[in-house]
Amino acid sequence: VHVSIGEDLGPAGLDALVRRLGPDLILSFYYRHMIPLRVLHLAPRGALNLHGSLLPRLRGRAPINWALVDCEERTGVTLHHMTGKADAGDIVAQRGFDIGARDTAFTLFQRAVEETRILLADIWPRIREGTAPRIPQDHAMATCRGRRTPEDGRIDWSALTRKIDGLVRAVTEPFPGAFTFLGGKKLMVWAGSPAQGSGPPGEVLGDSVVAT
């Protein structure tokens, strides 16, 4: 409840809320905004964030969707200290898992939830004892991605087949979906798979088969 209220308060209101609560530790799970440093410093035992990737890869917004768009073969969840830069703080714990050939953002999110439960059960006693590790990130290995919009679902048929396949799986339901245009009308593409064929990119080769 406090987290959902905090998202509507703005920085000043969030500052006042945290001061009133007086937390020992701040935990952030998919909070949609950067928490100001002055708020983070109010918790004497630190401020930790759960991020849906294997940091330092895929810092920023929508990491699970971006993992598919970028054709990553593996992703995971990371618990890390929050700093003034998004997803750049020391790592406390990570759990990784492979991305299956037909995984979607929804199935990856479900897996991330399962792995987060395991991660927290394992590391929470050490956090309470004050003995949890702090592993600096290798910033040279970082990749950063931004916010996605429905327009980002437009299919570029000249892209590699695996990139198009990854995009469709990244934005299928419950997300806005991939799309193209056929006969001047918008056509939603909710599912697909790589197929054999050749031709100019975007040419319809047969029943639901398009050249890439």
N, C-alpha and C. Protein backbone atom coordinates (compact mmCIF):
# COMPACT_ATOMS: atom_id res chain seq x y z
N VAL A 1 0.83 -1.20 0.00
CA VAL A 1 0.00 0.00 0.00
C VAL A 1 0.87 1.25 0.00
N HIS A 2 1.90 1.27 0.82
CA HIS A 2 2.76 2.45 0.89
C HIS A 2 3.43 2.72 -0.45
N VAL A 3 3.81 1.64 -1.17
CA VAL A 3 4.49 1.83 -2.45
C VAL A 3 3.54 2.45 -3.47
N SER A 4 2.32 1.95 -3.56
CA SER A 4 1.38 2.49 -4.53
C SER A 4 1.04 3.95 -4.21
N ILE A 5 0.93 4.27 -2.93
CA ILE A 5 0.69 5.66 -2.54
C ILE A 5 1.90 6.51 -2.92
N GLY A 6 3.10 5.99 -2.65
CA GLY A 6 4.31 6.74 -2.91
C GLY A 6 4.45 7.15 -4.36
N GLU A 7 4.01 6.32 -5.30
CA GLU A 7 4.13 6.64 -6.71
C GLU A 7 3.29 7.86 -7.09
N ASP A 8 2.28 8.17 -6.30
CA ASP A 8 1.41 9.31 -6.61
C ASP A 8 1.81 10.58 -5.86
N LEU A 9 2.77 10.49 -4.97
CA LEU A 9 3.07 11.62 -4.10
C LEU A 9 4.08 12.60 -4.69
N GLY A 10 4.95 12.15 -5.57
CA GLY A 10 6.05 12.99 -6.03
C GLY A 10 7.18 12.95 -5.04
N PRO A 11 8.37 13.48 -5.41
CA PRO A 11 9.56 13.40 -4.55
C PRO A 11 9.35 13.96 -3.14
N ALA A 12 8.73 15.13 -3.03
CA ALA A 12 8.55 15.74 -1.72
C ALA A 12 7.63 14.91 -0.84
N GLY A 13 6.54 14.44 -1.43
CA GLY A 13 5.60 13.63 -0.67
C GLY A 13 6.18 12.29 -0.28
N LEU A 14 6.99 11.71 -1.17
CA LEU A 14 7.64 10.44 -0.86
C LEU A 14 8.63 10.61 0.28
N ASP A 15 9.37 11.72 0.25
CA ASP A 15 10.31 12.04 1.33
C ASP A 15 9.58 12.09 2.66
N ALA A 16 8.45 12.79 2.70
CA ALA A 16 7.68 12.93 3.94
C ALA A 16 7.14 11.58 4.41
N LEU A 17 6.68 10.76 3.46
CA LEU A 17 6.14 9.45 3.80
C LEU A 17 7.20 8.57 4.44
N VAL A 18 8.39 8.52 3.84
CA VAL A 18 9.45 7.66 4.36
C VAL A 18 9.93 8.17 5.72
N ARG A 19 10.01 9.49 5.88
CA ARG A 19 10.40 10.02 7.19
C ARG A 19 9.39 9.63 8.26
N ARG A 20 8.13 9.62 7.90
CA ARG A 20 7.09 9.26 8.86
C ARG A 20 7.16 7.78 9.23
N LEU A 21 7.47 6.93 8.23
CA LEU A 21 7.55 5.49 8.47
C LEU A 21 8.81 5.10 9.22
N GLY A 22 9.91 5.84 8.98
CA GLY A 22 11.18 5.54 9.65
C GLY A 22 11.69 4.14 9.39
N PRO A 23 11.80 3.69 8.12
CA PRO A 23 12.20 2.30 7.86
C PRO A 23 13.67 2.05 8.18
N ASP A 24 13.99 0.83 8.59
CA ASP A 24 15.38 0.41 8.74
C ASP A 24 15.98 0.14 7.35
N LEU A 25 15.14 -0.42 6.47
CA LEU A 25 15.59 -0.84 5.14
C LEU A 25 14.49 -0.53 4.13
N ILE A 26 14.88 -0.07 2.95
CA ILE A 26 13.92 0.17 1.87
C ILE A 26 14.08 -0.93 0.83
N LEU A 27 12.97 -1.55 0.45
CA LEU A 27 12.96 -2.55 -0.62
C LEU A 27 12.07 -2.03 -1.75
N SER A 28 12.60 -2.03 -2.95
CA SER A 28 11.86 -1.55 -4.12
C SER A 28 11.69 -2.69 -5.11
N PHE A 29 10.45 -2.94 -5.51
CA PHE A 29 10.15 -3.99 -6.48
C PHE A 29 9.34 -3.38 -7.63
N TYR A 30 10.01 -3.14 -8.75
CA TYR A 30 9.37 -2.58 -9.94
C TYR A 30 8.69 -1.23 -9.65
N TYR A 31 9.29 -0.46 -8.78
CA TYR A 31 8.85 0.93 -8.58
C TYR A 31 9.15 1.70 -9.86
N ARG A 32 8.25 2.52 -10.31
CA ARG A 32 8.34 3.08 -11.67
C ARG A 32 9.18 4.35 -11.78
N HIS A 33 9.67 4.88 -10.65
CA HIS A 33 10.40 6.14 -10.70
C HIS A 33 11.73 6.01 -9.94
N MET A 34 12.67 6.89 -10.28
CA MET A 34 13.91 6.96 -9.51
C MET A 34 13.60 7.53 -8.13
N ILE A 35 14.04 6.86 -7.09
CA ILE A 35 13.84 7.35 -5.73
C ILE A 35 14.99 8.30 -5.40
N PRO A 36 14.70 9.53 -4.97
CA PRO A 36 15.76 10.50 -4.68
C PRO A 36 16.75 9.98 -3.64
N LEU A 37 18.01 10.39 -3.80
CA LEU A 37 19.05 9.95 -2.87
C LEU A 37 18.72 10.32 -1.43
N ARG A 38 18.13 11.50 -1.23
CA ARG A 38 17.84 11.91 0.14
C ARG A 38 16.85 10.96 0.80
N VAL A 39 15.98 10.33 0.00
CA VAL A 39 15.04 9.34 0.54
C VAL A 39 15.77 8.03 0.82
N LEU A 40 16.63 7.63 -0.11
CA LEU A 40 17.38 6.39 0.09
C LEU A 40 18.22 6.44 1.35
N HIS A 41 18.77 7.61 1.65
CA HIS A 41 19.66 7.75 2.80
C HIS A 41 18.91 7.76 4.13
N LEU A 42 17.59 7.78 4.08
CA LEU A 42 16.82 7.78 5.32
C LEU A 42 16.79 6.40 5.99
N ALA A 43 17.10 5.37 5.23
CA ALA A 43 17.08 4.02 5.79
C ALA A 43 18.50 3.62 6.20
N PRO A 44 18.78 3.47 7.48
CA PRO A 44 20.15 3.22 7.94
C PRO A 44 20.75 1.90 7.43
N ARG A 45 19.90 0.93 7.08
CA ARG A 45 20.43 -0.36 6.62
C ARG A 45 20.43 -0.47 5.11
N GLY A 46 20.16 0.65 4.43
CA GLY A 46 20.29 0.67 2.98
C GLY A 46 18.96 0.61 2.24
N ALA A 47 19.06 0.67 0.92
CA ALA A 47 17.89 0.65 0.04
C ALA A 47 18.20 -0.28 -1.12
N LEU A 48 17.40 -1.34 -1.24
CA LEU A 48 17.63 -2.38 -2.24
C LEU A 48 16.52 -2.41 -3.27
N ASN A 49 16.89 -2.70 -4.51
CA ASN A 49 15.93 -2.78 -5.61
C ASN A 49 16.02 -4.14 -6.27
N LEU A 50 14.87 -4.68 -6.69
CA LEU A 50 14.83 -5.92 -7.44
C LEU A 50 14.65 -5.56 -8.91
N HIS A 51 15.61 -5.96 -9.74
CA HIS A 51 15.58 -5.64 -11.18
C HIS A 51 15.47 -6.92 -11.98
N GLY A 52 14.68 -6.89 -13.06
CA GLY A 52 14.40 -8.07 -13.85
C GLY A 52 15.40 -8.37 -14.95
N SER A 53 16.68 -8.35 -14.63
CA SER A 53 17.71 -8.77 -15.58
C SER A 53 18.94 -9.20 -14.80
N LEU A 54 19.92 -9.72 -15.52
CA LEU A 54 21.20 -10.04 -14.90
C LEU A 54 22.11 -8.82 -15.06
N LEU A 55 22.00 -7.90 -14.11
CA LEU A 55 22.83 -6.71 -14.18
C LEU A 55 24.30 -7.09 -14.22
N PRO A 56 25.12 -6.33 -14.97
CA PRO A 56 24.83 -4.99 -15.52
C PRO A 56 24.12 -4.97 -16.87
N ARG A 57 23.71 -6.11 -17.40
CA ARG A 57 23.00 -6.11 -18.68
C ARG A 57 21.56 -5.61 -18.48
N LEU A 58 21.09 -4.86 -19.46
CA LEU A 58 19.70 -4.39 -19.52
C LEU A 58 19.28 -3.58 -18.30
N ARG A 59 20.07 -2.57 -18.00
CA ARG A 59 19.63 -1.58 -17.02
C ARG A 59 18.47 -0.79 -17.63
N GLY A 60 17.62 -0.22 -16.77
CA GLY A 60 16.56 0.65 -17.25
C GLY A 60 15.20 -0.02 -17.29
N ARG A 61 14.34 0.54 -18.13
CA ARG A 61 12.93 0.12 -18.17
C ARG A 61 12.75 -1.19 -18.94
N ALA A 62 11.68 -1.89 -18.62
CA ALA A 62 11.18 -3.07 -19.36
C ALA A 62 12.28 -4.09 -19.68
N PRO A 63 13.09 -4.50 -18.70
CA PRO A 63 14.20 -5.40 -19.02
C PRO A 63 13.78 -6.75 -19.57
N ILE A 64 12.65 -7.28 -19.12
CA ILE A 64 12.21 -8.59 -19.60
C ILE A 64 11.81 -8.49 -21.07
N ASN A 65 11.10 -7.44 -21.46
CA ASN A 65 10.73 -7.26 -22.86
C ASN A 65 11.97 -7.06 -23.72
N TRP A 66 12.89 -6.23 -23.24
CA TRP A 66 14.10 -5.95 -23.99
C TRP A 66 14.95 -7.20 -24.16
N ALA A 67 14.93 -8.11 -23.20
CA ALA A 67 15.71 -9.34 -23.33
C ALA A 67 15.31 -10.11 -24.58
N LEU A 68 14.01 -10.12 -24.88
CA LEU A 68 13.53 -10.80 -26.08
C LEU A 68 13.81 -9.99 -27.34
N VAL A 69 13.59 -8.69 -27.27
CA VAL A 69 13.86 -7.82 -28.42
C VAL A 69 15.33 -7.91 -28.82
N ASP A 70 16.21 -7.97 -27.83
CA ASP A 70 17.65 -8.02 -28.08
C ASP A 70 18.17 -9.44 -28.31
N CYS A 71 17.26 -10.41 -28.35
CA CYS A 71 17.65 -11.81 -28.60
C CYS A 71 18.65 -12.34 -27.58
N GLU A 72 18.48 -11.94 -26.32
CA GLU A 72 19.32 -12.48 -25.26
C GLU A 72 19.00 -13.97 -25.10
N GLU A 73 20.00 -14.75 -24.74
CA GLU A 73 19.80 -16.18 -24.51
C GLU A 73 19.58 -16.51 -23.05
N ARG A 74 19.85 -15.55 -22.18
CA ARG A 74 19.74 -15.78 -20.74
C ARG A 74 19.37 -14.47 -20.06
N THR A 75 18.57 -14.56 -19.02
CA THR A 75 18.23 -13.38 -18.23
C THR A 75 18.10 -13.82 -16.77
N GLY A 76 17.49 -12.98 -15.94
CA GLY A 76 17.38 -13.34 -14.53
C GLY A 76 16.85 -12.19 -13.69
N VAL A 77 17.13 -12.26 -12.40
CA VAL A 77 16.73 -11.21 -11.46
C VAL A 77 17.93 -10.83 -10.61
N THR A 78 18.00 -9.55 -10.26
CA THR A 78 19.12 -9.03 -9.48
C THR A 78 18.61 -8.17 -8.35
N LEU A 79 19.07 -8.43 -7.13
CA LEU A 79 18.83 -7.55 -6.00
C LEU A 79 20.08 -6.69 -5.82
N HIS A 80 19.90 -5.37 -5.85
CA HIS A 80 21.08 -4.49 -5.80
C HIS A 80 20.79 -3.24 -4.99
N HIS A 81 21.86 -2.59 -4.55
CA HIS A 81 21.73 -1.33 -3.82
C HIS A 81 21.35 -0.22 -4.80
N MET A 82 20.46 0.65 -4.36
CA MET A 82 20.06 1.78 -5.19
C MET A 82 21.03 2.95 -4.98
N THR A 83 21.33 3.63 -6.09
CA THR A 83 22.20 4.80 -6.08
C THR A 83 21.51 5.91 -6.87
N GLY A 84 22.27 6.94 -7.20
CA GLY A 84 21.72 8.03 -8.00
C GLY A 84 21.57 7.71 -9.47
N LYS A 85 22.09 6.56 -9.91
CA LYS A 85 21.97 6.13 -11.30
C LYS A 85 21.15 4.85 -11.36
N ALA A 86 20.34 4.74 -12.39
CA ALA A 86 19.42 3.61 -12.49
C ALA A 86 20.16 2.27 -12.59
N ASP A 87 19.86 1.38 -11.65
CA ASP A 87 20.31 -0.02 -11.70
C ASP A 87 21.83 -0.16 -11.74
N ALA A 88 22.54 0.78 -11.13
CA ALA A 88 24.01 0.79 -11.21
C ALA A 88 24.68 0.43 -9.90
N GLY A 89 23.91 0.19 -8.84
CA GLY A 89 24.50 -0.05 -7.53
C GLY A 89 25.04 -1.45 -7.34
N ASP A 90 25.76 -1.64 -6.25
CA ASP A 90 26.37 -2.94 -5.94
C ASP A 90 25.32 -4.05 -5.88
N ILE A 91 25.72 -5.21 -6.37
CA ILE A 91 24.83 -6.37 -6.41
C ILE A 91 24.87 -7.12 -5.08
N VAL A 92 23.69 -7.48 -4.59
CA VAL A 92 23.57 -8.29 -3.38
C VAL A 92 23.39 -9.76 -3.74
N ALA A 93 22.54 -10.04 -4.72
CA ALA A 93 22.29 -11.43 -5.13
C ALA A 93 21.68 -11.45 -6.53
N GLN A 94 21.93 -12.55 -7.24
CA GLN A 94 21.36 -12.74 -8.57
C GLN A 94 20.93 -14.19 -8.75
N ARG A 95 19.92 -14.38 -9.60
CA ARG A 95 19.56 -15.72 -10.08
C ARG A 95 19.29 -15.61 -11.57
N GLY A 96 19.91 -16.46 -12.35
CA GLY A 96 19.75 -16.42 -13.79
C GLY A 96 19.00 -17.64 -14.31
N PHE A 97 18.45 -17.51 -15.50
CA PHE A 97 17.77 -18.63 -16.15
C PHE A 97 17.80 -18.43 -17.66
N ASP A 98 17.75 -19.55 -18.40
CA ASP A 98 17.79 -19.50 -19.85
C ASP A 98 16.47 -19.02 -20.43
N ILE A 99 16.54 -18.39 -21.58
CA ILE A 99 15.34 -17.97 -22.31
C ILE A 99 15.04 -19.03 -23.37
N GLY A 100 13.87 -19.63 -23.28
CA GLY A 100 13.48 -20.66 -24.23
C GLY A 100 13.12 -20.08 -25.60
N ALA A 101 13.17 -20.92 -26.61
CA ALA A 101 12.93 -20.48 -27.99
C ALA A 101 11.54 -19.91 -28.18
N ARG A 102 10.56 -20.33 -27.39
CA ARG A 102 9.19 -19.83 -27.55
C ARG A 102 8.71 -19.05 -26.33
N ASP A 103 9.61 -18.69 -25.44
CA ASP A 103 9.23 -17.86 -24.30
C ASP A 103 8.68 -16.52 -24.77
N THR A 104 7.74 -15.99 -24.01
CA THR A 104 7.23 -14.63 -24.21
C THR A 104 7.57 -13.79 -22.99
N ALA A 105 7.32 -12.49 -23.08
CA ALA A 105 7.57 -11.64 -21.92
C ALA A 105 6.73 -12.10 -20.73
N PHE A 106 5.54 -12.61 -20.98
CA PHE A 106 4.68 -13.06 -19.89
C PHE A 106 5.26 -14.30 -19.21
N THR A 107 5.73 -15.28 -19.99
CA THR A 107 6.28 -16.49 -19.37
C THR A 107 7.60 -16.18 -18.65
N LEU A 108 8.38 -15.25 -19.20
CA LEU A 108 9.61 -14.86 -18.53
C LEU A 108 9.32 -14.14 -17.22
N PHE A 109 8.28 -13.30 -17.22
CA PHE A 109 7.91 -12.61 -15.98
C PHE A 109 7.50 -13.62 -14.91
N GLN A 110 6.72 -14.63 -15.30
CA GLN A 110 6.33 -15.66 -14.34
C GLN A 110 7.55 -16.37 -13.77
N ARG A 111 8.51 -16.66 -14.63
CA ARG A 111 9.74 -17.31 -14.16
C ARG A 111 10.51 -16.38 -13.23
N ALA A 112 10.54 -15.09 -13.57
CA ALA A 112 11.25 -14.12 -12.73
C ALA A 112 10.63 -14.06 -11.32
N VAL A 113 9.32 -14.14 -11.23
CA VAL A 113 8.65 -14.14 -9.93
C VAL A 113 9.08 -15.36 -9.12
N GLU A 114 9.12 -16.53 -9.76
CA GLU A 114 9.53 -17.75 -9.07
C GLU A 114 10.97 -17.64 -8.58
N GLU A 115 11.85 -17.12 -9.44
CA GLU A 115 13.26 -17.01 -9.07
C GLU A 115 13.47 -15.96 -7.98
N THR A 116 12.64 -14.92 -7.96
CA THR A 116 12.73 -13.90 -6.93
C THR A 116 12.39 -14.48 -5.56
N ARG A 117 11.37 -15.34 -5.51
CA ARG A 117 11.01 -15.99 -4.24
C ARG A 117 12.20 -16.78 -3.69
N ILE A 118 12.86 -17.51 -4.58
CA ILE A 118 14.01 -18.32 -4.15
C ILE A 118 15.16 -17.42 -3.71
N LEU A 119 15.42 -16.39 -4.49
CA LEU A 119 16.51 -15.46 -4.17
C LEU A 119 16.31 -14.83 -2.80
N LEU A 120 15.11 -14.32 -2.55
CA LEU A 120 14.85 -13.63 -1.29
C LEU A 120 14.91 -14.59 -0.10
N ALA A 121 14.38 -15.79 -0.27
CA ALA A 121 14.44 -16.77 0.81
C ALA A 121 15.88 -17.09 1.17
N ASP A 122 16.74 -17.09 0.17
CA ASP A 122 18.14 -17.43 0.39
C ASP A 122 18.92 -16.28 1.03
N ILE A 123 18.70 -15.06 0.54
CA ILE A 123 19.55 -13.93 0.95
C ILE A 123 18.99 -13.16 2.14
N TRP A 124 17.70 -13.28 2.42
CA TRP A 124 17.10 -12.44 3.46
C TRP A 124 17.75 -12.60 4.83
N PRO A 125 18.08 -13.82 5.27
CA PRO A 125 18.75 -13.92 6.59
C PRO A 125 20.06 -13.13 6.64
N ARG A 126 20.83 -13.12 5.56
CA ARG A 126 22.09 -12.39 5.55
C ARG A 126 21.86 -10.88 5.52
N ILE A 127 20.77 -10.46 4.86
CA ILE A 127 20.43 -9.03 4.87
C ILE A 127 20.09 -8.60 6.30
N ARG A 128 19.29 -9.40 7.00
CA ARG A 128 18.92 -9.08 8.38
C ARG A 128 20.13 -9.05 9.31
N GLU A 129 21.09 -9.95 9.07
CA GLU A 129 22.29 -10.01 9.90
C GLU A 129 23.31 -8.94 9.55
N GLY A 130 23.11 -8.30 8.39
CA GLY A 130 24.08 -7.31 7.94
C GLY A 130 25.32 -7.91 7.32
N THR A 131 25.23 -9.18 6.86
CA THR A 131 26.39 -9.86 6.27
C THR A 131 26.23 -10.14 4.78
N ALA A 132 25.18 -9.56 4.16
CA ALA A 132 24.96 -9.79 2.72
C ALA A 132 26.09 -9.16 1.91
N PRO A 133 26.50 -9.79 0.82
CA PRO A 133 27.61 -9.26 0.01
C PRO A 133 27.23 -7.98 -0.73
N ARG A 134 28.25 -7.23 -1.12
CA ARG A 134 28.10 -6.07 -2.00
C ARG A 134 29.13 -6.23 -3.10
N ILE A 135 28.66 -6.59 -4.28
CA ILE A 135 29.54 -6.88 -5.40
C ILE A 135 29.44 -5.74 -6.41
N PRO A 136 30.50 -4.96 -6.61
CA PRO A 136 30.44 -3.85 -7.57
C PRO A 136 30.14 -4.36 -8.97
N GLN A 137 29.34 -3.62 -9.70
CA GLN A 137 29.05 -3.97 -11.08
C GLN A 137 30.22 -3.57 -11.98
N ASP A 138 30.40 -4.32 -13.05
CA ASP A 138 31.36 -3.96 -14.09
C ASP A 138 30.65 -3.02 -15.06
N HIS A 139 30.83 -1.73 -14.87
CA HIS A 139 30.08 -0.75 -15.67
C HIS A 139 30.45 -0.82 -17.15
N ALA A 140 31.64 -1.33 -17.46
CA ALA A 140 32.04 -1.46 -18.87
C ALA A 140 31.19 -2.49 -19.60
N MET A 141 30.56 -3.39 -18.85
CA MET A 141 29.73 -4.44 -19.45
C MET A 141 28.25 -4.07 -19.48
N ALA A 142 27.93 -2.87 -19.02
CA ALA A 142 26.52 -2.47 -18.90
C ALA A 142 25.88 -2.20 -20.26
N THR A 143 24.62 -2.60 -20.38
CA THR A 143 23.77 -2.19 -21.49
C THR A 143 22.55 -1.50 -20.88
N CYS A 144 22.10 -0.45 -21.51
CA CYS A 144 21.00 0.35 -20.96
C CYS A 144 19.88 0.45 -22.00
N ARG A 145 18.66 0.30 -21.54
CA ARG A 145 17.50 0.38 -22.43
C ARG A 145 16.46 1.31 -21.81
N GLY A 146 15.67 1.92 -22.68
CA GLY A 146 14.69 2.91 -22.22
C GLY A 146 13.27 2.38 -22.23
N ARG A 147 12.38 3.28 -21.98
CA ARG A 147 10.94 2.97 -21.92
C ARG A 147 10.44 2.54 -23.29
N ARG A 148 9.55 1.58 -23.32
CA ARG A 148 8.94 1.12 -24.57
C ARG A 148 7.53 1.68 -24.70
N THR A 149 7.09 1.91 -25.94
CA THR A 149 5.75 2.40 -26.22
C THR A 149 5.08 1.45 -27.21
N PRO A 150 3.76 1.51 -27.36
CA PRO A 150 3.08 0.64 -28.33
C PRO A 150 3.64 0.78 -29.75
N GLU A 151 4.10 1.96 -30.13
CA GLU A 151 4.64 2.16 -31.47
C GLU A 151 5.89 1.33 -31.71
N ASP A 152 6.59 0.97 -30.64
CA ASP A 152 7.79 0.15 -30.78
C ASP A 152 7.47 -1.26 -31.25
N GLY A 153 6.19 -1.62 -31.31
CA GLY A 153 5.80 -2.94 -31.79
C GLY A 153 5.71 -3.05 -33.30
N ARG A 154 5.99 -1.97 -34.03
CA ARG A 154 5.94 -2.01 -35.49
C ARG A 154 7.03 -2.95 -36.03
N ILE A 155 6.65 -3.87 -36.89
CA ILE A 155 7.58 -4.85 -37.43
C ILE A 155 8.33 -4.28 -38.62
N ASP A 156 9.64 -4.41 -38.60
CA ASP A 156 10.50 -4.07 -39.72
C ASP A 156 10.85 -5.38 -40.42
N TRP A 157 10.22 -5.64 -41.54
CA TRP A 157 10.39 -6.93 -42.21
C TRP A 157 11.78 -7.10 -42.80
N SER A 158 12.57 -6.03 -42.87
CA SER A 158 13.94 -6.16 -43.36
C SER A 158 14.90 -6.60 -42.26
N ALA A 159 14.40 -6.71 -41.04
CA ALA A 159 15.24 -7.16 -39.92
C ALA A 159 15.47 -8.67 -40.02
N LEU A 160 16.45 -9.16 -39.24
CA LEU A 160 16.69 -10.60 -39.18
C LEU A 160 15.46 -11.33 -38.65
N THR A 161 15.26 -12.54 -39.14
CA THR A 161 14.10 -13.34 -38.71
C THR A 161 14.05 -13.46 -37.19
N ARG A 162 15.19 -13.74 -36.57
CA ARG A 162 15.20 -13.93 -35.11
C ARG A 162 14.86 -12.64 -34.36
N LYS A 163 15.20 -11.48 -34.95
CA LYS A 163 14.84 -10.21 -34.31
C LYS A 163 13.33 -9.97 -34.38
N ILE A 164 12.74 -10.29 -35.51
CA ILE A 164 11.28 -10.13 -35.64
C ILE A 164 10.56 -11.09 -34.70
N ASP A 165 11.04 -12.33 -34.66
CA ASP A 165 10.45 -13.32 -33.77
C ASP A 165 10.55 -12.87 -32.31
N GLY A 166 11.72 -12.33 -31.94
CA GLY A 166 11.90 -11.83 -30.58
C GLY A 166 10.97 -10.68 -30.26
N LEU A 167 10.78 -9.78 -31.21
CA LEU A 167 9.87 -8.65 -30.99
C LEU A 167 8.45 -9.13 -30.76
N VAL A 168 7.97 -10.04 -31.59
CA VAL A 168 6.60 -10.53 -31.44
C VAL A 168 6.41 -11.16 -30.06
N ARG A 169 7.38 -11.96 -29.63
CA ARG A 169 7.27 -12.61 -28.31
C ARG A 169 7.43 -11.62 -27.16
N ALA A 170 8.13 -10.51 -27.44
CA ALA A 170 8.34 -9.50 -26.39
C ALA A 170 7.11 -8.68 -26.10
N VAL A 171 6.25 -8.49 -27.10
CA VAL A 171 5.13 -7.55 -26.92
C VAL A 171 3.77 -8.19 -27.10
N THR A 172 3.73 -9.53 -27.19
CA THR A 172 2.43 -10.19 -27.28
C THR A 172 1.68 -10.03 -25.96
N GLU A 173 0.43 -10.49 -25.91
CA GLU A 173 -0.39 -10.31 -24.72
C GLU A 173 0.33 -10.73 -23.44
N PRO A 174 0.22 -9.95 -22.37
CA PRO A 174 -0.71 -8.84 -22.12
C PRO A 174 -0.20 -7.47 -22.57
N PHE A 175 0.83 -7.43 -23.38
CA PHE A 175 1.38 -6.16 -23.86
C PHE A 175 0.67 -5.74 -25.15
N PRO A 176 0.96 -4.54 -25.69
CA PRO A 176 0.16 -4.00 -26.81
C PRO A 176 0.24 -4.78 -28.11
N GLY A 177 1.27 -5.59 -28.32
CA GLY A 177 1.33 -6.42 -29.51
C GLY A 177 2.17 -5.85 -30.63
N ALA A 178 2.72 -6.75 -31.47
CA ALA A 178 3.43 -6.35 -32.67
C ALA A 178 2.41 -6.09 -33.78
N PHE A 179 2.82 -5.27 -34.76
CA PHE A 179 1.85 -4.97 -35.83
C PHE A 179 2.58 -4.65 -37.12
N THR A 180 1.82 -4.76 -38.21
CA THR A 180 2.28 -4.37 -39.54
C THR A 180 1.07 -3.80 -40.28
N PHE A 181 1.23 -3.54 -41.56
CA PHE A 181 0.11 -3.01 -42.35
C PHE A 181 -0.09 -3.88 -43.59
N LEU A 182 -1.32 -4.19 -43.88
CA LEU A 182 -1.67 -5.02 -45.03
C LEU A 182 -2.86 -4.38 -45.73
N GLY A 183 -2.67 -4.01 -47.00
CA GLY A 183 -3.74 -3.36 -47.73
C GLY A 183 -4.17 -2.05 -47.11
N GLY A 184 -3.20 -1.35 -46.49
CA GLY A 184 -3.50 -0.06 -45.87
C GLY A 184 -4.14 -0.16 -44.50
N LYS A 185 -4.33 -1.38 -44.00
CA LYS A 185 -4.96 -1.56 -42.69
C LYS A 185 -3.95 -2.16 -41.70
N LYS A 186 -4.08 -1.73 -40.46
CA LYS A 186 -3.20 -2.23 -39.42
C LYS A 186 -3.53 -3.68 -39.10
N LEU A 187 -2.51 -4.52 -39.06
CA LEU A 187 -2.68 -5.94 -38.78
C LEU A 187 -1.87 -6.29 -37.54
N MET A 188 -2.52 -6.77 -36.49
CA MET A 188 -1.83 -7.18 -35.28
C MET A 188 -1.24 -8.58 -35.46
N VAL A 189 -0.05 -8.78 -34.94
CA VAL A 189 0.63 -10.08 -35.01
C VAL A 189 0.89 -10.54 -33.58
N TRP A 190 0.07 -11.45 -33.08
CA TRP A 190 0.15 -11.86 -31.69
C TRP A 190 1.04 -13.08 -31.48
N ALA A 191 1.30 -13.83 -32.56
CA ALA A 191 2.14 -15.01 -32.44
C ALA A 191 2.70 -15.35 -33.81
N GLY A 192 3.79 -16.09 -33.80
CA GLY A 192 4.40 -16.52 -35.05
C GLY A 192 5.61 -17.38 -34.74
N SER A 193 6.25 -17.86 -35.78
CA SER A 193 7.47 -18.64 -35.61
C SER A 193 8.26 -18.59 -36.91
N PRO A 194 9.58 -18.75 -36.84
CA PRO A 194 10.40 -18.75 -38.05
C PRO A 194 9.96 -19.86 -39.00
N ALA A 195 10.02 -19.57 -40.31
CA ALA A 195 9.60 -20.54 -41.33
C ALA A 195 10.55 -20.47 -42.51
N GLN A 196 10.49 -21.49 -43.36
CA GLN A 196 11.31 -21.53 -44.56
C GLN A 196 10.68 -20.67 -45.66
N GLY A 197 11.54 -20.12 -46.50
CA GLY A 197 11.05 -19.31 -47.63
C GLY A 197 12.04 -18.23 -47.96
N SER A 198 11.85 -17.58 -49.11
CA SER A 198 12.72 -16.48 -49.49
C SER A 198 11.96 -15.53 -50.39
N GLY A 199 12.37 -14.27 -50.34
CA GLY A 199 11.73 -13.25 -51.14
C GLY A 199 12.06 -11.89 -50.59
N PRO A 200 11.64 -10.83 -51.25
CA PRO A 200 11.89 -9.48 -50.74
C PRO A 200 11.25 -9.29 -49.37
N PRO A 201 11.95 -8.65 -48.43
CA PRO A 201 11.38 -8.45 -47.09
C PRO A 201 9.98 -7.83 -47.14
N GLY A 202 9.06 -8.44 -46.43
CA GLY A 202 7.70 -7.95 -46.36
C GLY A 202 6.76 -8.58 -47.37
N GLU A 203 7.28 -9.34 -48.30
CA GLU A 203 6.41 -9.98 -49.30
C GLU A 203 5.70 -11.17 -48.69
N VAL A 204 4.39 -11.27 -48.93
CA VAL A 204 3.61 -12.41 -48.45
C VAL A 204 3.88 -13.59 -49.39
N LEU A 205 4.46 -14.65 -48.85
CA LEU A 205 4.90 -15.79 -49.66
C LEU A 205 3.84 -16.89 -49.73
N GLY A 206 2.94 -16.87 -48.81
CA GLY A 206 1.92 -17.93 -48.76
C GLY A 206 0.99 -17.69 -47.59
N ASP A 207 0.33 -18.73 -47.17
CA ASP A 207 -0.63 -18.59 -46.07
C ASP A 207 0.10 -18.20 -44.78
N SER A 208 0.00 -16.95 -44.42
CA SER A 208 0.59 -16.42 -43.18
C SER A 208 2.11 -16.53 -43.14
N VAL A 209 2.76 -16.59 -44.30
CA VAL A 209 4.22 -16.61 -44.36
C VAL A 209 4.69 -15.34 -45.03
N VAL A 210 5.60 -14.62 -44.35
CA VAL A 210 6.09 -13.34 -44.86
C VAL A 210 7.61 -13.40 -44.92
N ALA A 211 8.19 -12.89 -46.02
CA ALA A 211 9.64 -12.89 -46.19
C ALA A 211 10.28 -11.87 -45.25
N THR A 212 11.44 -12.25 -44.71
CA THR A 212 12.20 -11.36 -43.83
C THR A 212 13.63 -11.26 -44.34
